Amino acid sequence: MQENETQNSMPNIQQPSKWDLIEKSDRYVFSKQIQILDGRDIQLASGTGTKIGTSGSQKLSVYGVTPIAQQSAISSPAGGTTQDSQARAAINTIILTLKNFGITL
């Protein structure tokens, strides 16, 4: 048996230092990046829901772009010499979806 293995052939996994992971009563605080391996998912409950970011001033990004805070509201289309009601309805639906997802106010 090698020195870094236990009797049941499990590798000896080094415990993180107290600076790698700080456990508090209701949360984990990580001082390093979290990497999720390919093919792994984040599974959430379906009851109350889960928030990523708990304030509009917290910054978030996806796909490697610069993180930004929640953006201000987008005004509904108004005015113009030619009014297309179907286009306006679609734009209003997009605006509502962005608001409901929390991307804009």
C-alpha atoms as a PDB file:
ATOM      1  CA  MET A   1       0.000   0.000   0.000  1.00  0.00           C
ATOM      2  CA  GLN A   2       1.312   3.433  -0.903  1.00  0.00           C
ATOM      3  CA  GLU A   3       1.870   6.036   1.762  1.00  0.00           C
ATOM      4  CA  ASN A   4      -0.918   8.361   0.549  1.00  0.00           C
ATOM      5  CA  GLU A   5      -3.646   5.678   0.446  1.00  0.00           C
ATOM      6  CA  THR A   6      -5.853   4.319   3.182  1.00  0.00           C
ATOM      7  CA  GLN A   7      -6.656   0.659   3.676  1.00  0.00           C
ATOM      8  CA  ASN A   8      -9.675   0.800   1.342  1.00  0.00           C
ATOM      9  CA  SER A   9      -7.507   2.184  -1.534  1.00  0.00           C
ATOM     10  CA  MET A  10      -9.010   5.679  -1.352  1.00  0.00           C
ATOM     11  CA  PRO A  11      -6.484   8.423  -2.083  1.00  0.00           C
ATOM     12  CA  ASN A  12      -5.537  10.614   0.836  1.00  0.00           C
ATOM     13  CA  ILE A  13      -7.273  13.908   0.030  1.00  0.00           C
ATOM     14  CA  GLN A  14      -5.613  16.970   1.478  1.00  0.00           C
ATOM     15  CA  GLN A  15      -7.961  19.048   3.610  1.00  0.00           C
ATOM     16  CA  PRO A  16      -8.289  22.718   2.609  1.00  0.00           C
ATOM     17  CA  SER A  17      -6.623  25.237   4.864  1.00  0.00           C
ATOM     18  CA  LYS A  18      -8.764  27.583   6.928  1.00  0.00           C
ATOM     19  CA  TRP A  19      -8.050  30.290   4.338  1.00  0.00           C
ATOM     20  CA  ASP A  20      -9.398  28.228   1.410  1.00  0.00           C
ATOM     21  CA  LEU A  21     -12.871  27.814   2.854  1.00  0.00           C
ATOM     22  CA  ILE A  22     -14.436  29.641   5.779  1.00  0.00           C
ATOM     23  CA  GLU A  23     -17.638  28.095   7.096  1.00  0.00           C
ATOM     24  CA  LYS A  24     -20.167  30.392   8.752  1.00  0.00           C
ATOM     25  CA  SER A  25     -23.484  29.481  10.283  1.00  0.00           C
ATOM     26  CA  ASP A  26     -25.510  29.838   7.083  1.00  0.00           C
ATOM     27  CA  ARG A  27     -22.978  30.097   4.240  1.00  0.00           C
ATOM     28  CA  TYR A  28     -19.652  29.113   2.750  1.00  0.00           C
ATOM     29  CA  VAL A  29     -17.178  31.817   1.766  1.00  0.00           C
ATOM     30  CA  PHE A  30     -14.643  30.812  -0.872  1.00  0.00           C
ATOM     31  CA  SER A  31     -11.391  32.684  -1.317  1.00  0.00           C
ATOM     32  CA  LYS A  32     -10.614  30.914  -4.599  1.00  0.00           C
ATOM     33  CA  GLN A  33     -12.483  30.396  -7.858  1.00  0.00           C
ATOM     34  CA  ILE A  34     -15.011  27.575  -8.047  1.00  0.00           C
ATOM     35  CA  GLN A  35     -14.614  25.292 -11.046  1.00  0.00           C
ATOM     36  CA  ILE A  36     -17.387  22.933 -12.115  1.00  0.00           C
ATOM     37  CA  LEU A  37     -16.256  20.001 -14.223  1.00  0.00           C
ATOM     38  CA  ASP A  38     -17.720  19.380 -17.674  1.00  0.00           C
ATOM     39  CA  GLY A  39     -21.021  17.519 -17.581  1.00  0.00           C
ATOM     40  CA  ARG A  40     -21.830  18.594 -13.997  1.00  0.00           C
ATOM     41  CA  ASP A  41     -24.973  20.557 -13.197  1.00  0.00           C
ATOM     42  CA  ILE A  42     -26.139  22.861 -10.428  1.00  0.00           C
ATOM     43  CA  GLN A  43     -29.408  21.454  -9.143  1.00  0.00           C
ATOM     44  CA  LEU A  44     -31.819  23.756  -7.306  1.00  0.00           C
ATOM     45  CA  ALA A  45     -35.019  23.155  -5.384  1.00  0.00           C
ATOM     46  CA  SER A  46     -38.301  24.267  -6.962  1.00  0.00           C
ATOM     47  CA  GLY A  47     -40.078  25.648  -3.876  1.00  0.00           C
ATOM     48  CA  THR A  48     -39.236  29.243  -2.964  1.00  0.00           C
ATOM     49  CA  GLY A  49     -36.545  29.679  -5.607  1.00  0.00           C
ATOM     50  CA  THR A  50     -32.864  30.585  -5.541  1.00  0.00           C
ATOM     51  CA  LYS A  51     -31.208  33.961  -6.087  1.00  0.00           C
ATOM     52  CA  ILE A  52     -27.831  34.587  -7.656  1.00  0.00           C
ATOM     53  CA  GLY A  53     -26.994  38.059  -6.424  1.00  0.00           C
ATOM     54  CA  THR A  54     -29.146  39.499  -3.662  1.00  0.00           C
ATOM     55  CA  SER A  55     -28.841  43.189  -4.566  1.00  0.00           C
ATOM     56  CA  GLY A  56     -29.044  45.131  -7.810  1.00  0.00           C
ATOM     57  CA  SER A  57     -25.626  46.642  -7.106  1.00  0.00           C
ATOM     58  CA  GLN A  58     -23.853  43.259  -7.036  1.00  0.00           C
ATOM     59  CA  LYS A  59     -22.091  42.603 -10.347  1.00  0.00           C
ATOM     60  CA  LEU A  60     -22.573  39.499 -12.494  1.00  0.00           C
ATOM     61  CA  SER A  61     -21.581  38.365 -15.967  1.00  0.00           C
ATOM     62  CA  VAL A  62     -21.802  35.301 -18.164  1.00  0.00           C
ATOM     63  CA  TYR A  63     -19.708  34.132 -21.106  1.00  0.00           C
ATOM     64  CA  GLY A  64     -16.570  35.990 -20.024  1.00  0.00           C
ATOM     65  CA  VAL A  65     -17.793  39.568 -20.415  1.00  0.00           C
ATOM     66  CA  THR A  66     -17.086  42.272 -17.808  1.00  0.00           C
ATOM     67  CA  PRO A  67     -19.395  41.943 -14.773  1.00  0.00           C
ATOM     68  CA  ILE A  68     -21.977  44.725 -14.430  1.00  0.00           C
ATOM     69  CA  ALA A  69     -24.643  45.719 -11.901  1.00  0.00           C
ATOM     70  CA  GLN A  70     -28.344  45.419 -12.722  1.00  0.00           C
ATOM     71  CA  GLN A  71     -29.195  47.824 -15.534  1.00  0.00           C
ATOM     72  CA  SER A  72     -31.816  50.562 -15.343  1.00  0.00           C
ATOM     73  CA  ALA A  73     -35.282  50.085 -16.805  1.00  0.00           C
ATOM     74  CA  ILE A  74     -35.869  50.200 -20.564  1.00  0.00           C
ATOM     75  CA  SER A  75     -38.688  52.503 -21.603  1.00  0.00           C
ATOM     76  CA  SER A  76     -41.581  51.137 -23.627  1.00  0.00           C
ATOM     77  CA  PRO A  77     -41.707  52.430 -27.208  1.00  0.00           C
ATOM     78  CA  ALA A  78     -43.769  55.590 -27.624  1.00  0.00           C
ATOM     79  CA  GLY A  79     -44.359  58.131 -30.379  1.00  0.00           C
ATOM     80  CA  GLY A  80     -43.109  57.942 -33.927  1.00  0.00           C
ATOM     81  CA  THR A  81     -44.867  58.692 -37.191  1.00  0.00           C
ATOM     82  CA  THR A  82     -45.473  55.026 -38.063  1.00  0.00           C
ATOM     83  CA  GLN A  83     -46.651  52.845 -35.215  1.00  0.00           C
ATOM     84  CA  ASP A  84     -46.448  49.066 -35.550  1.00  0.00           C
ATOM     85  CA  SER A  85     -48.602  47.528 -32.821  1.00  0.00           C
ATOM     86  CA  GLN A  86     -47.205  44.017 -33.306  1.00  0.00           C
ATOM     87  CA  ALA A  87     -43.597  45.245 -33.031  1.00  0.00           C
ATOM     88  CA  ARG A  88     -44.462  47.302 -29.953  1.00  0.00           C
ATOM     89  CA  ALA A  89     -46.157  44.303 -28.349  1.00  0.00           C
ATOM     90  CA  ALA A  90     -43.064  42.181 -29.028  1.00  0.00           C
ATOM     91  CA  ILE A  91     -40.738  44.875 -27.645  1.00  0.00           C
ATOM     92  CA  ASN A  92     -42.900  45.203 -24.512  1.00  0.00           C
ATOM     93  CA  THR A  93     -42.736  41.421 -24.056  1.00  0.00           C
ATOM     94  CA  ILE A  94     -38.939  41.526 -24.315  1.00  0.00           C
ATOM     95  CA  ILE A  95     -38.799  44.375 -21.777  1.00  0.00           C
ATOM     96  CA  LEU A  96     -41.057  42.455 -19.373  1.00  0.00           C
ATOM     97  CA  THR A  97     -38.941  39.306 -19.734  1.00  0.00           C
ATOM     98  CA  LEU A  98     -35.752  41.254 -18.962  1.00  0.00           C
ATOM     99  CA  LYS A  99     -37.441  42.758 -15.876  1.00  0.00           C
ATOM    100  CA  ASN A 100     -38.796  39.399 -14.680  1.00  0.00           C
ATOM    101  CA  PHE A 101     -35.368  37.778 -15.050  1.00  0.00           C
ATOM    102  CA  GLY A 102     -33.826  40.658 -13.101  1.00  0.00           C
ATOM    103  CA  ILE A 103     -31.591  41.929 -15.881  1.00  0.00           C
ATOM    104  CA  THR A 104     -33.194  45.404 -15.795  1.00  0.00           C
ATOM    105  CA  LEU A 105     -35.254  47.272 -13.221  1.00  0.00           C
END
